[in-house]
Amino acid sequence: MIVRLILLAIGFGLAAAGGISLIAYLNYIPAGLTILEYIMFIFQRSEAALLVLGLVLITGSIYWPEKS
């Protein structure tokens, strides 16, 4: 049970850091980037991987079966 809480906390931290960084990059859209260019830029950044990894850890900590 404690491992699940630790994974949930780590996943939340990674997802929050990645999500905030991606939201901060939205400032590039008014600077002349199109939506397609923005999406291509996001796929090249490591923050997108942090967001995905955090979401995977959160989902895994919630739905991974427990050994009884």
Protein backbone atom coordinates (compact mmCIF):
# COMPACT_ATOMS: atom_id res chain seq x y z
CA MET A 1 0.00 0.00 0.00
CA ILE A 2 2.80 2.41 0.83
CA VAL A 3 4.48 1.66 -2.51
CA ARG A 4 1.30 2.68 -4.28
CA LEU A 5 1.21 5.98 -2.42
CA ILE A 6 4.84 6.65 -3.25
CA LEU A 7 4.26 5.86 -6.93
CA LEU A 8 1.18 8.06 -6.91
CA ALA A 9 3.12 10.96 -5.38
CA ILE A 10 6.04 10.59 -7.79
CA GLY A 11 3.65 10.30 -10.74
CA PHE A 12 1.75 13.37 -9.63
CA GLY A 13 4.95 15.36 -9.30
CA LEU A 14 6.19 14.34 -12.74
CA ALA A 15 2.81 14.99 -14.37
CA ALA A 16 2.52 18.39 -12.70
CA ALA A 17 6.03 19.42 -13.73
CA GLY A 18 5.50 18.25 -17.31
CA GLY A 19 2.05 19.80 -17.59
CA ILE A 20 3.13 23.17 -16.22
CA SER A 21 6.08 23.26 -18.60
CA LEU A 22 3.85 22.47 -21.58
CA ILE A 23 1.40 25.17 -20.54
CA ALA A 24 4.28 27.64 -20.24
CA TYR A 25 5.29 26.79 -23.81
CA LEU A 26 1.86 28.01 -24.98
CA ASN A 27 3.43 31.48 -25.05
CA TYR A 28 5.14 30.46 -28.30
CA ILE A 29 1.81 30.36 -30.16
CA PRO A 30 1.27 34.16 -30.11
CA ALA A 31 4.93 34.55 -31.12
CA GLY A 32 4.17 33.15 -34.57
CA LEU A 33 3.96 29.38 -34.26
CA THR A 34 0.98 27.58 -35.70
CA ILE A 35 -0.78 24.82 -33.78
CA LEU A 36 0.94 22.16 -35.90
CA GLU A 37 4.37 23.72 -35.29
CA TYR A 38 3.59 23.91 -31.57
CA ILE A 39 2.66 20.21 -31.45
CA MET A 40 5.84 19.27 -33.32
CA PHE A 41 7.84 21.44 -30.89
CA ILE A 42 6.20 19.73 -27.90
CA PHE A 43 7.04 16.24 -29.21
CA GLN A 44 10.71 17.23 -29.27
CA ARG A 45 10.75 18.38 -25.63
CA SER A 46 11.50 16.10 -22.70
CA GLU A 47 8.69 17.66 -20.65
CA ALA A 48 6.14 15.78 -22.73
CA ALA A 49 7.83 12.56 -21.66
CA LEU A 50 7.60 13.66 -18.02
CA LEU A 51 3.89 14.24 -18.39
CA VAL A 52 3.32 10.86 -20.03
CA LEU A 53 5.53 9.03 -17.51
CA GLY A 54 3.71 10.70 -14.63
CA LEU A 55 0.33 9.73 -16.02
CA VAL A 56 1.49 6.14 -16.49
CA LEU A 57 2.73 5.99 -12.89
CA ILE A 58 -0.54 7.43 -11.58
CA THR A 59 -2.61 5.00 -13.63
CA GLY A 60 -0.41 2.08 -12.64
CA SER A 61 -0.56 2.92 -8.94
CA ILE A 62 -4.35 3.03 -9.07
CA TYR A 63 -5.13 0.02 -11.24
CA TRP A 64 -2.21 -2.42 -10.62
CA PRO A 65 -3.64 -5.52 -8.90
CA GLU A 66 -2.62 -6.07 -5.31
CA LYS A 67 -1.26 -9.40 -4.12
CA SER A 68 -3.47 -10.67 -1.34
